[in-house]
């Protein structure tokens, strides 16, 4: 059975608030080859902050 090339890659998003909270999600590495940033909720800081992709 042949292997298929997986386009989606599992990434980790870490909070920029310094709380150490992380989300894990998937991204399409063809459409977004650079590191991504999302504004998401940080339950430790109890507010929305920017989460940056880490490796």
PDB file of N, CA and C in Angstrom:
ATOM      1  N   UNK A   1       0.842  -1.175   0.000  1.00  0.00           N
ATOM      2  CA  UNK A   1       0.000   0.000   0.000  1.00  0.00           C
ATOM      3  C   UNK A   1       0.889   1.240   0.000  1.00  0.00           C
ATOM      4  N   UNK A   2       0.610   2.180  -0.879  1.00  0.00           N
ATOM      5  CA  UNK A   2       1.427   3.384  -1.012  1.00  0.00           C
ATOM      6  C   UNK A   2       1.082   4.401   0.064  1.00  0.00           C
ATOM      7  N   UNK A   3       2.102   5.140   0.514  1.00  0.00           N
ATOM      8  CA  UNK A   3       1.880   6.197   1.502  1.00  0.00           C
ATOM      9  C   UNK A   3       1.369   7.449   0.803  1.00  0.00           C
ATOM     10  N   UNK A   4       0.444   8.136   1.455  1.00  0.00           N
ATOM     11  CA  UNK A   4      -0.014   9.415   0.919  1.00  0.00           C
ATOM     12  C   UNK A   4       0.748  10.530   1.618  1.00  0.00           C
ATOM     13  N   UNK A   5       1.019  11.600   0.903  1.00  0.00           N
ATOM     14  CA  UNK A   5       1.728  12.723   1.507  1.00  0.00           C
ATOM     15  C   UNK A   5       0.738  13.527   2.322  1.00  0.00           C
ATOM     16  N   UNK A   6       1.021  13.663   3.605  1.00  0.00           N
ATOM     17  CA  UNK A   6       0.128  14.379   4.499  1.00  0.00           C
ATOM     18  C   UNK A   6       0.416  15.877   4.398  1.00  0.00           C
ATOM     19  N   UNK A   7      -0.571  16.642   3.945  1.00  0.00           N
ATOM     20  CA  UNK A   7      -0.405  18.078   3.761  1.00  0.00           C
ATOM     21  C   UNK A   7      -0.578  18.805   5.094  1.00  0.00           C
ATOM     22  N   UNK A   8      -1.434  18.259   5.973  1.00  0.00           N
ATOM     23  CA  UNK A   8      -1.707  18.909   7.243  1.00  0.00           C
ATOM     24  C   UNK A   8      -0.662  18.503   8.292  1.00  0.00           C
ATOM     25  N   UNK A   9      -0.215  19.502   9.041  1.00  0.00           N
ATOM     26  CA  UNK A   9       0.859  19.309  10.004  1.00  0.00           C
ATOM     27  C   UNK A   9       0.350  19.727  11.385  1.00  0.00           C
ATOM     28  N   UNK A  10       0.654  18.957  12.420  1.00  0.00           N
ATOM     29  CA  UNK A  10       0.260  19.305  13.781  1.00  0.00           C
ATOM     30  C   UNK A  10       1.224  20.356  14.310  1.00  0.00           C
ATOM     31  N   UNK A  11       0.671  21.467  14.832  1.00  0.00           N
ATOM     32  CA  UNK A  11       1.494  22.552  15.365  1.00  0.00           C
ATOM     33  C   UNK A  11       1.062  22.866  16.790  1.00  0.00           C
ATOM     34  N   UNK A  12       1.916  23.564  17.516  1.00  0.00           N
ATOM     35  CA  UNK A  12       1.625  24.013  18.866  1.00  0.00           C
ATOM     36  C   UNK A  12       1.611  25.534  18.882  1.00  0.00           C
ATOM     37  N   UNK A  13       0.570  26.100  19.476  1.00  0.00           N
ATOM     38  CA  UNK A  13       0.450  27.547  19.618  1.00  0.00           C
ATOM     39  C   UNK A  13       0.675  27.893  21.078  1.00  0.00           C
ATOM     40  N   UNK A  14       1.621  28.799  21.358  1.00  0.00           N
ATOM     41  CA  UNK A  14       1.939  29.170  22.735  1.00  0.00           C
ATOM     42  C   UNK A  14       1.568  30.619  22.990  1.00  0.00           C
ATOM     43  N   UNK A  15       1.053  30.877  24.182  1.00  0.00           N
ATOM     44  CA  UNK A  15       0.587  32.203  24.560  1.00  0.00           C
ATOM     45  C   UNK A  15       1.750  33.178  24.672  1.00  0.00           C
ATOM     46  N   UNK A  16       1.517  34.432  24.224  1.00  0.00           N
ATOM     47  CA  UNK A  16       2.527  35.472  24.359  1.00  0.00           C
ATOM     48  C   UNK A  16       2.388  36.219  25.681  1.00  0.00           C
ATOM     49  N   UNK A  17       1.384  35.847  26.503  1.00  0.00           N
ATOM     50  CA  UNK A  17       1.175  36.494  27.794  1.00  0.00           C
ATOM     51  C   UNK A  17       2.156  35.973  28.842  1.00  0.00           C
ATOM     52  N   UNK A  18       2.914  34.937  28.523  1.00  0.00           N
ATOM     53  CA  UNK A  18       3.906  34.407  29.452  1.00  0.00           C
ATOM     54  C   UNK A  18       3.339  33.421  30.450  1.00  0.00           C
ATOM     55  N   UNK A  19       2.127  32.913  30.212  1.00  0.00           N
ATOM     56  CA  UNK A  19       1.516  31.972  31.148  1.00  0.00           C
ATOM     57  C   UNK A  19       1.934  30.536  30.878  1.00  0.00           C
ATOM     58  N   UNK A  20       2.449  30.273  29.678  1.00  0.00           N
ATOM     59  CA  UNK A  20       2.849  28.909  29.325  1.00  0.00           C
ATOM     60  C   UNK A  20       1.710  28.072  28.783  1.00  0.00           C
ATOM     61  N   UNK A  21       0.530  28.664  28.611  1.00  0.00           N
ATOM     62  CA  UNK A  21      -0.618  27.915  28.097  1.00  0.00           C
ATOM     63  C   UNK A  21      -0.424  27.668  26.606  1.00  0.00           C
ATOM     64  N   UNK A  22      -0.825  26.458  26.152  1.00  0.00           N
ATOM     65  CA  UNK A  22      -0.624  26.071  24.758  1.00  0.00           C
ATOM     66  C   UNK A  22      -1.870  25.429  24.177  1.00  0.00           C
ATOM     67  N   UNK A  23      -2.080  25.658  22.899  1.00  0.00           N
ATOM     68  CA  UNK A  23      -3.090  24.961  22.110  1.00  0.00           C
ATOM     69  C   UNK A  23      -2.347  24.105  21.097  1.00  0.00           C
ATOM     70  N   UNK A  24      -2.935  22.965  20.716  1.00  0.00           N
ATOM     71  CA  UNK A  24      -2.392  22.200  19.591  1.00  0.00           C
ATOM     72  C   UNK A  24      -3.475  22.142  18.527  1.00  0.00           C
ATOM     73  N   UNK A  25      -3.072  22.314  17.283  1.00  0.00           N
ATOM     74  CA  UNK A  25      -4.001  22.341  16.162  1.00  0.00           C
ATOM     75  C   UNK A  25      -3.265  21.877  14.914  1.00  0.00           C
ATOM     76  N   UNK A  26      -3.951  21.866  13.789  1.00  0.00           N
ATOM     77  CA  UNK A  26      -3.348  21.474  12.519  1.00  0.00           C
ATOM     78  C   UNK A  26      -3.379  22.645  11.567  1.00  0.00           C
ATOM     79  N   UNK A  27      -2.411  22.680  10.652  1.00  0.00           N
ATOM     80  CA  UNK A  27      -2.409  23.692   9.602  1.00  0.00           C
ATOM     81  C   UNK A  27      -1.983  23.047   8.299  1.00  0.00           C
ATOM     82  N   UNK A  28      -2.418  23.647   7.204  1.00  0.00           N
ATOM     83  CA  UNK A  28      -2.042  23.199   5.881  1.00  0.00           C
ATOM     84  C   UNK A  28      -0.715  23.868   5.532  1.00  0.00           C
ATOM     85  N   UNK A  29       0.350  23.087   5.418  1.00  0.00           N
ATOM     86  CA  UNK A  29       1.673  23.678   5.196  1.00  0.00           C
ATOM     87  C   UNK A  29       1.889  24.187   3.771  1.00  0.00           C
ATOM     88  N   UNK A  30       1.007  23.846   2.841  1.00  0.00           N
ATOM     89  CA  UNK A  30       1.093  24.423   1.493  1.00  0.00           C
ATOM     90  C   UNK A  30       0.518  25.839   1.480  1.00  0.00           C
ATOM     91  N   UNK A  31      -0.600  26.041   2.168  1.00  0.00           N
ATOM     92  CA  UNK A  31      -1.245  27.352   2.174  1.00  0.00           C
ATOM     93  C   UNK A  31      -0.577  28.323   3.138  1.00  0.00           C
ATOM     94  N   UNK A  32       0.013  27.811   4.232  1.00  0.00           N
ATOM     95  CA  UNK A  32       0.634  28.651   5.254  1.00  0.00           C
ATOM     96  C   UNK A  32       2.037  28.126   5.569  1.00  0.00           C
ATOM     97  N   UNK A  33       3.008  28.388   4.700  1.00  0.00           N
ATOM     98  CA  UNK A  33       4.354  27.845   4.935  1.00  0.00           C
ATOM     99  C   UNK A  33       5.084  28.536   6.090  1.00  0.00           C
ATOM    100  N   UNK A  34       4.727  29.788   6.407  1.00  0.00           N
ATOM    101  CA  UNK A  34       5.384  30.510   7.495  1.00  0.00           C
ATOM    102  C   UNK A  34       4.674  30.231   8.817  1.00  0.00           C
ATOM    103  N   UNK A  35       5.272  30.712   9.896  1.00  0.00           N
ATOM    104  CA  UNK A  35       4.650  30.528  11.208  1.00  0.00           C
ATOM    105  C   UNK A  35       3.393  31.385  11.318  1.00  0.00           C
ATOM    106  N   UNK A  36       2.380  30.850  11.983  1.00  0.00           N
ATOM    107  CA  UNK A  36       1.096  31.536  12.073  1.00  0.00           C
ATOM    108  C   UNK A  36       0.900  32.126  13.466  1.00  0.00           C
ATOM    109  N   UNK A  37       0.018  33.119  13.545  1.00  0.00           N
ATOM    110  CA  UNK A  37      -0.379  33.737  14.800  1.00  0.00           C
ATOM    111  C   UNK A  37      -1.896  33.819  14.822  1.00  0.00           C
ATOM    112  N   UNK A  38      -2.489  33.494  15.977  1.00  0.00           N
ATOM    113  CA  UNK A  38      -3.928  33.598  16.158  1.00  0.00           C
ATOM    114  C   UNK A  38      -4.202  34.312  17.461  1.00  0.00           C
ATOM    115  N   UNK A  39      -5.320  35.030  17.519  1.00  0.00           N
ATOM    116  CA  UNK A  39      -5.759  35.640  18.762  1.00  0.00           C
ATOM    117  C   UNK A  39      -6.789  34.694  19.370  1.00  0.00           C
ATOM    118  N   UNK A  40      -6.438  34.072  20.505  1.00  0.00           N
ATOM    119  CA  UNK A  40      -7.287  33.082  21.148  1.00  0.00           C
ATOM    120  C   UNK A  40      -7.371  33.373  22.637  1.00  0.00           C
ATOM    121  N   UNK A  41      -8.264  32.662  23.314  1.00  0.00           N
ATOM    122  CA  UNK A  41      -8.492  32.871  24.740  1.00  0.00           C
ATOM    123  C   UNK A  41      -7.457  32.114  25.563  1.00  0.00           C
ATOM    124  N   UNK A  42      -6.853  32.809  26.518  1.00  0.00           N
ATOM    125  CA  UNK A  42      -5.914  32.207  27.466  1.00  0.00           C
ATOM    126  C   UNK A  42      -6.628  32.112  28.817  1.00  0.00           C
ATOM    127  N   UNK A  43      -7.000  30.899  29.253  1.00  0.00           N
ATOM    128  CA  UNK A  43      -7.745  30.767  30.504  1.00  0.00           C
ATOM    129  C   UNK A  43      -6.927  31.105  31.745  1.00  0.00           C
ATOM    130  N   UNK A  44      -5.610  31.043  31.674  1.00  0.00           N
ATOM    131  CA  UNK A  44      -4.768  31.394  32.814  1.00  0.00           C
ATOM    132  C   UNK A  44      -4.774  32.909  33.005  1.00  0.00           C
ATOM    133  N   UNK A  45      -4.619  33.657  31.904  1.00  0.00           N
ATOM    134  CA  UNK A  45      -4.652  35.120  31.954  1.00  0.00           C
ATOM    135  C   UNK A  45      -6.091  35.650  31.950  1.00  0.00           C
ATOM    136  N   UNK A  46      -7.050  34.809  31.589  1.00  0.00           N
ATOM    137  CA  UNK A  46      -8.472  35.133  31.515  1.00  0.00           C
ATOM    138  C   UNK A  46      -8.769  36.297  30.565  1.00  0.00           C
ATOM    139  N   UNK A  47      -8.106  36.272  29.395  1.00  0.00           N
ATOM    140  CA  UNK A  47      -8.378  37.246  28.339  1.00  0.00           C
ATOM    141  C   UNK A  47      -7.857  36.709  27.010  1.00  0.00           C
ATOM    142  N   UNK A  48      -8.221  37.368  25.923  1.00  0.00           N
ATOM    143  CA  UNK A  48      -7.745  36.987  24.599  1.00  0.00           C
ATOM    144  C   UNK A  48      -6.358  37.592  24.376  1.00  0.00           C
ATOM    145  N   UNK A  49      -5.422  36.757  23.955  1.00  0.00           N
ATOM    146  CA  UNK A  49      -4.050  37.181  23.663  1.00  0.00           C
ATOM    147  C   UNK A  49      -3.622  36.527  22.347  1.00  0.00           C
ATOM    148  N   UNK A  50      -2.488  36.958  21.830  1.00  0.00           N
ATOM    149  CA  UNK A  50      -1.937  36.399  20.601  1.00  0.00           C
ATOM    150  C   UNK A  50      -1.170  35.117  20.946  1.00  0.00           C
ATOM    151  N   UNK A  51      -1.456  34.078  20.182  1.00  0.00           N
ATOM    152  CA  UNK A  51      -0.758  32.797  20.308  1.00  0.00           C
ATOM    153  C   UNK A  51       0.111  32.631  19.071  1.00  0.00           C
ATOM    154  N   UNK A  52       1.401  32.308  19.261  1.00  0.00           N
ATOM    155  CA  UNK A  52       2.336  32.130  18.147  1.00  0.00           C
ATOM    156  C   UNK A  52       2.708  30.656  18.017  1.00  0.00           C
ATOM    157  N   UNK A  53       2.972  30.263  16.795  1.00  0.00           N
ATOM    158  CA  UNK A  53       3.361  28.878  16.515  1.00  0.00           C
ATOM    159  C   UNK A  53       4.774  28.609  17.023  1.00  0.00           C
ATOM    160  N   UNK A  54       4.931  27.481  17.708  1.00  0.00           N
ATOM    161  CA  UNK A  54       6.251  27.032  18.157  1.00  0.00           C
ATOM    162  C   UNK A  54       6.539  25.681  17.522  1.00  0.00           C
ATOM    163  N   UNK A  55       7.793  25.283  17.517  1.00  0.00           N
ATOM    164  CA  UNK A  55       8.143  23.995  16.938  1.00  0.00           C
ATOM    165  C   UNK A  55       8.559  23.033  18.019  1.00  0.00           C
TER     166      UNK A  55
END
